[in-house]
C-alpha atoms as a PDB file:
ATOM      1  CA  MET A   1      98.847  99.750 130.068  1.00  0.00           C
ATOM      2  CA  THR A   2      98.140  96.273 129.180  1.00  0.00           C
ATOM      3  CA  PRO A   3     100.691  95.535 125.734  1.00  0.00           C
ATOM      4  CA  LEU A   4      98.466  94.034 122.624  1.00  0.00           C
ATOM      5  CA  LYS A   5     101.111  92.353 120.699  1.00  0.00           C
ATOM      6  CA  TYR A   6      98.992  91.505 118.062  1.00  0.00           C
ATOM      7  CA  LEU A   7      96.895  94.477 117.647  1.00  0.00           C
ATOM      8  CA  GLY A   8      99.792  96.669 117.172  1.00  0.00           C
ATOM      9  CA  GLY A   9      98.436  98.174 114.107  1.00  0.00           C
ATOM     10  CA  TYR A  10      95.113  98.939 114.752  1.00  0.00           C
ATOM     11  CA  PRO A  11      93.621 102.348 116.004  1.00  0.00           C
ATOM     12  CA  ASP A  12      94.097 103.427 119.389  1.00  0.00           C
ATOM     13  CA  ALA A  13      90.362 103.497 119.647  1.00  0.00           C
ATOM     14  CA  THR A  14      89.693  99.828 119.127  1.00  0.00           C
ATOM     15  CA  GLN A  15      93.279  98.985 121.457  1.00  0.00           C
ATOM     16  CA  ALA A  16      91.425 100.891 124.396  1.00  0.00           C
ATOM     17  CA  GLN A  17      87.850  98.929 123.602  1.00  0.00           C
ATOM     18  CA  VAL A  18      89.491  95.632 123.654  1.00  0.00           C
ATOM     19  CA  ARG A  19      91.773  96.987 127.281  1.00  0.00           C
ATOM     20  CA  GLU A  20      88.439  97.699 128.461  1.00  0.00           C
ATOM     21  CA  LEU A  21      87.017  93.847 127.959  1.00  0.00           C
ATOM     22  CA  ILE A  22      90.424  93.056 129.372  1.00  0.00           C
ATOM     23  CA  THR A  23      90.097  94.975 132.501  1.00  0.00           C
ATOM     24  CA  ALA A  24      86.357  93.630 133.198  1.00  0.00           C
ATOM     25  CA  GLY A  25      87.631  90.247 132.535  1.00  0.00           C
ATOM     26  CA  ARG A  26      84.882  89.455 129.684  1.00  0.00           C
ATOM     27  CA  LEU A  27      87.589  89.181 126.675  1.00  0.00           C
ATOM     28  CA  GLY A  28      87.052  85.170 127.056  1.00  0.00           C
ATOM     29  CA  GLU A  29      83.285  85.704 127.116  1.00  0.00           C
ATOM     30  CA  TRP A  30      83.236  87.792 124.363  1.00  0.00           C
ATOM     31  CA  LEU A  31      85.293  85.828 121.935  1.00  0.00           C
ATOM     32  CA  ALA A  32      82.646  82.687 123.150  1.00  0.00           C
ATOM     33  CA  ALA A  33      79.685  84.752 122.594  1.00  0.00           C
ATOM     34  CA  ARG A  34      80.887  85.083 118.671  1.00  0.00           C
ATOM     35  CA  HIS A  35      82.996  82.244 117.930  1.00  0.00           C
ATOM     36  CA  GLY A  36      82.726  79.353 120.175  1.00  0.00           C
ATOM     37  CA  ASP A  37      81.740  76.660 117.838  1.00  0.00           C
ATOM     38  CA  PRO A  38      84.069  73.651 117.837  1.00  0.00           C
ATOM     39  CA  HIS A  39      84.900  72.158 114.574  1.00  0.00           C
ATOM     40  CA  ALA A  40      85.565  68.165 114.313  1.00  0.00           C
ATOM     41  CA  VAL A  41      88.926  68.880 112.312  1.00  0.00           C
ATOM     42  CA  HIS A  42      90.772  67.107 114.726  1.00  0.00           C
ATOM     43  CA  THR A  43      93.423  64.596 112.697  1.00  0.00           C
ATOM     44  CA  ASP A  44      95.597  65.074 109.590  1.00  0.00           C
ATOM     45  CA  LYS A  45      93.558  63.321 107.694  1.00  0.00           C
ATOM     46  CA  ALA A  46      90.071  65.131 108.637  1.00  0.00           C
ATOM     47  CA  LEU A  47      92.476  68.528 108.126  1.00  0.00           C
ATOM     48  CA  TYR A  48      93.534  67.217 104.752  1.00  0.00           C
ATOM     49  CA  ALA A  49      90.109  66.612 103.893  1.00  0.00           C
ATOM     50  CA  TYR A  50      88.615  70.084 105.301  1.00  0.00           C
ATOM     51  CA  VAL A  51      91.707  71.855 103.046  1.00  0.00           C
ATOM     52  CA  VAL A  52      90.670  70.013  99.713  1.00  0.00           C
ATOM     53  CA  ILE A  53      86.799  70.606 100.184  1.00  0.00           C
ATOM     54  CA  MET A  54      87.836  74.432 100.818  1.00  0.00           C
ATOM     55  CA  LYS A  55      90.304  74.757  97.693  1.00  0.00           C
ATOM     56  CA  ASP A  56      87.704  72.845  95.563  1.00  0.00           C
ATOM     57  CA  ARG A  57      85.300  74.663  96.325  1.00  0.00           C
ATOM     58  CA  TYR A  58      86.759  78.501  95.952  1.00  0.00           C
ATOM     59  CA  MET A  59      90.094  77.427  93.692  1.00  0.00           C
ATOM     60  CA  ARG A  60      89.058  74.805  91.441  1.00  0.00           C
ATOM     61  CA  LYS A  61      91.706  75.672  88.849  1.00  0.00           C
ATOM     62  CA  ALA A  62      94.249  75.780  91.229  1.00  0.00           C
ATOM     63  CA  ASP A  63      96.776  73.341  91.541  1.00  0.00           C
ATOM     64  CA  PRO A  64      96.183  70.445  94.133  1.00  0.00           C
ATOM     65  CA  VAL A  65      97.053  70.499  97.749  1.00  0.00           C
ATOM     66  CA  ASP A  66      99.203  67.291  98.107  1.00  0.00           C
ATOM     67  CA  LYS A  67      99.586  67.306 102.037  1.00  0.00           C
ATOM     68  CA  ALA A  68      97.336  69.255 105.049  1.00  0.00           C
ATOM     69  CA  VAL A  69      98.880  68.466 108.526  1.00  0.00           C
ATOM     70  CA  TYR A  70      98.902  69.925 111.979  1.00  0.00           C
ATOM     71  CA  ASP A  71     102.694  71.042 113.282  1.00  0.00           C
ATOM     72  CA  ASN A  72     103.154  71.301 116.620  1.00  0.00           C
ATOM     73  CA  ARG A  73     106.319  73.011 115.756  1.00  0.00           C
ATOM     74  CA  LEU A  74     104.677  75.931 114.274  1.00  0.00           C
ATOM     75  CA  HIS A  75     104.151  79.052 117.034  1.00  0.00           C
ATOM     76  CA  VAL A  76     103.042  82.589 116.782  1.00  0.00           C
ATOM     77  CA  VAL A  77     106.441  83.592 118.626  1.00  0.00           C
ATOM     78  CA  ARG A  78     107.367  82.450 115.356  1.00  0.00           C
ATOM     79  CA  HIS A  79     104.573  84.254 113.652  1.00  0.00           C
ATOM     80  CA  ALA A  80     103.611  81.736 111.751  1.00  0.00           C
ATOM     81  CA  LEU A  81     100.319  79.888 112.951  1.00  0.00           C
ATOM     82  CA  GLY A  82     100.127  78.134 109.111  1.00  0.00           C
ATOM     83  CA  THR A  83     102.553  78.020 106.725  1.00  0.00           C
ATOM     84  CA  HIS A  84     102.286  76.265 102.852  1.00  0.00           C
ATOM     85  CA  THR A  85     104.942  75.297 100.882  1.00  0.00           C
ATOM     86  CA  THR A  86     105.847  73.929  97.699  1.00  0.00           C
ATOM     87  CA  VAL A  87     108.818  71.399  96.774  1.00  0.00           C
ATOM     88  CA  SER A  88     109.755  70.679  93.440  1.00  0.00           C
ATOM     89  CA  ARG A  89     111.571  67.672  92.495  1.00  0.00           C
ATOM     90  CA  VAL A  90     113.087  65.788  90.028  1.00  0.00           C
ATOM     91  CA  GLN A  91     111.631  62.703  88.723  1.00  0.00           C
ATOM     92  CA  GLY A  92     112.891  61.373  85.735  1.00  0.00           C
ATOM     93  CA  GLY A  93     112.818  64.051  82.896  1.00  0.00           C
ATOM     94  CA  ARG A  94     109.876  65.815  84.909  1.00  0.00           C
ATOM     95  CA  LEU A  95     109.449  68.082  87.567  1.00  0.00           C
ATOM     96  CA  LYS A  96     107.333  66.993  90.077  1.00  0.00           C
ATOM     97  CA  ALA A  97     105.522  69.785  92.673  1.00  0.00           C
ATOM     98  CA  SER A  98     104.213  68.876  96.201  1.00  0.00           C
ATOM     99  CA  ARG A  99     102.050  71.390  97.812  1.00  0.00           C
ATOM    100  CA  GLU A 100     101.331  71.190 101.156  1.00  0.00           C
ATOM    101  CA  ILE A 101      99.552  73.246 104.226  1.00  0.00           C
ATOM    102  CA  ARG A 102     100.665  72.880 107.784  1.00  0.00           C
ATOM    103  CA  VAL A 103      98.717  74.421 110.634  1.00  0.00           C
ATOM    104  CA  GLY A 104      99.809  74.932 113.755  1.00  0.00           C
ATOM    105  CA  SER A 105      98.472  72.495 116.027  1.00  0.00           C
ATOM    106  CA  MET A 106      96.898  75.033 118.704  1.00  0.00           C
ATOM    107  CA  PHE A 107      94.202  75.141 116.691  1.00  0.00           C
ATOM    108  CA  ARG A 108      93.319  71.341 116.897  1.00  0.00           C
ATOM    109  CA  ASP A 109      90.917  73.074 119.696  1.00  0.00           C
ATOM    110  CA  ALA A 110      90.069  76.280 118.483  1.00  0.00           C
ATOM    111  CA  PRO A 111      87.170  77.501 117.519  1.00  0.00           C
ATOM    112  CA  ALA A 112      86.136  76.384 114.076  1.00  0.00           C
ATOM    113  CA  ASP A 113      86.041  80.453 112.719  1.00  0.00           C
ATOM    114  CA  PHE A 114      89.730  80.343 113.727  1.00  0.00           C
ATOM    115  CA  LEU A 115      90.811  76.973 111.703  1.00  0.00           C
ATOM    116  CA  LYS A 116      88.696  78.258 108.302  1.00  0.00           C
ATOM    117  CA  MET A 117      90.506  81.944 108.634  1.00  0.00           C
ATOM    118  CA  ILE A 118      94.016  79.706 108.844  1.00  0.00           C
ATOM    119  CA  VAL A 119      93.158  77.654 106.037  1.00  0.00           C
ATOM    120  CA  VAL A 120      91.593  80.466 104.132  1.00  0.00           C
ATOM    121  CA  HIS A 121      95.131  82.467 104.578  1.00  0.00           C
ATOM    122  CA  GLU A 122      97.236  79.290 103.318  1.00  0.00           C
ATOM    123  CA  LEU A 123      95.145  78.514 100.548  1.00  0.00           C
ATOM    124  CA  ALA A 124      95.197  81.786  99.324  1.00  0.00           C
ATOM    125  CA  HIS A 125      98.950  81.941  99.245  1.00  0.00           C
ATOM    126  CA  LEU A 126      99.044  78.855  96.623  1.00  0.00           C
ATOM    127  CA  LYS A 127      98.142  81.461  94.589  1.00  0.00           C
ATOM    128  CA  GLN A 128      99.115  85.013  95.788  1.00  0.00           C
ATOM    129  CA  HIS A 129     102.665  85.059  97.864  1.00  0.00           C
ATOM    130  CA  GLU A 130     102.578  88.431  99.084  1.00  0.00           C
ATOM    131  CA  HIS A 131     100.236  89.933 101.536  1.00  0.00           C
ATOM    132  CA  ASN A 132      98.804  92.563  98.845  1.00  0.00           C
ATOM    133  CA  LYS A 133      95.707  93.220  97.297  1.00  0.00           C
ATOM    134  CA  ALA A 134      95.131  90.400  95.146  1.00  0.00           C
ATOM    135  CA  PHE A 135      95.744  88.096  98.122  1.00  0.00           C
ATOM    136  CA  TYR A 136      93.340  89.501 100.013  1.00  0.00           C
ATOM    137  CA  GLN A 137      90.798  90.019  97.814  1.00  0.00           C
ATOM    138  CA  LEU A 138      91.302  85.923  97.232  1.00  0.00           C
ATOM    139  CA  CYS A 139      90.910  85.407 101.272  1.00  0.00           C
ATOM    140  CA  THR A 140      87.734  87.435 101.347  1.00  0.00           C
ATOM    141  CA  HIS A 141      86.528  85.643  98.118  1.00  0.00           C
ATOM    142  CA  MET A 142      87.189  82.231 100.301  1.00  0.00           C
ATOM    143  CA  ALA A 143      85.580  83.745 103.541  1.00  0.00           C
ATOM    144  CA  PRO A 144      83.780  87.186 103.317  1.00  0.00           C
ATOM    145  CA  ASP A 145      84.625  88.109 107.335  1.00  0.00           C
ATOM    146  CA  TYR A 146      87.852  87.315 106.341  1.00  0.00           C
ATOM    147  CA  HIS A 147      89.223  90.850 108.288  1.00  0.00           C
ATOM    148  CA  GLN A 148      86.934  90.005 111.156  1.00  0.00           C
ATOM    149  CA  LEU A 149      87.767  86.770 111.351  1.00  0.00           C
ATOM    150  CA  GLU A 150      91.629  87.853 111.470  1.00  0.00           C
ATOM    151  CA  PHE A 151      90.953  90.616 113.818  1.00  0.00           C
ATOM    152  CA  ALA A 152      89.356  88.223 116.435  1.00  0.00           C
ATOM    153  CA  LEU A 153      92.151  85.522 115.819  1.00  0.00           C
ATOM    154  CA  ARG A 154      94.478  88.079 117.057  1.00  0.00           C
ATOM    155  CA  LEU A 155      92.335  88.843 119.953  1.00  0.00           C
ATOM    156  CA  TYR A 156      92.049  85.131 120.469  1.00  0.00           C
ATOM    157  CA  LEU A 157      95.785  85.095 120.757  1.00  0.00           C
ATOM    158  CA  THR A 158      95.738  87.736 123.301  1.00  0.00           C
ATOM    159  CA  HIS A 159      93.159  86.105 125.475  1.00  0.00           C
ATOM    160  CA  LEU A 160      95.512  82.974 125.250  1.00  0.00           C
ATOM    161  CA  ASP A 161      98.436  84.977 126.182  1.00  0.00           C
ATOM    162  CA  LEU A 162      96.599  86.604 129.160  1.00  0.00           C
ATOM    163  CA  GLN A 163      95.549  83.092 130.617  1.00  0.00           C
ATOM    164  CA  ARG A 164      99.558  81.796 130.299  1.00  0.00           C
ATOM    165  CA  ALA A 165     100.515  84.975 132.262  1.00  0.00           C
ATOM    166  CA  PRO A 166     101.806  84.226 135.601  1.00  0.00           C
ATOM    167  CA  GLY A 167      99.039  85.321 138.077  1.00  0.00           C
ATOM    168  CA  HIS A 168      96.657  85.237 135.730  1.00  0.00           C
ATOM    169  CA  GLY A 169      93.491  82.724 136.073  1.00  0.00           C
ATOM    170  CA  ALA A 170      91.551  81.974 133.022  1.00  0.00           C
ATOM    171  CA  ARG A 171      89.216  84.908 132.228  1.00  0.00           C
END
């Protein structure tokens, strides 16, 4: 049985369908048909502009994002595809907070839907720190298909793992 480490919380029937796609060598084809559109956000400057546009569109009253960059140190192994941080510094008599979003560099070349899902996820953390009901409501406010995108991203990660596995060609 093919281990599906990114789909552990999904029902057995769903995992069985994914295994069928993998066995038939059609997982990559399925992903490309639904989420194959590329994006043009390849630099840190473009990523910052993309994040600010999303934030301004859906979270106008939230504090500004000071930095958004691709980070080649973020890996799926650590269960982090993106991070958000708030750094507080004392400047004179004031406390200044700087908010940063870091996106795993693997998303430079990933389909546009997956970059969108990661950015939405990290922006939602600016208001909701926990993965609770309010967090997911904010995610679906910014991306109504958020849960489907998250599932598809898990399939994409599974596909990438299969491509990297010894003895497996691109599927």
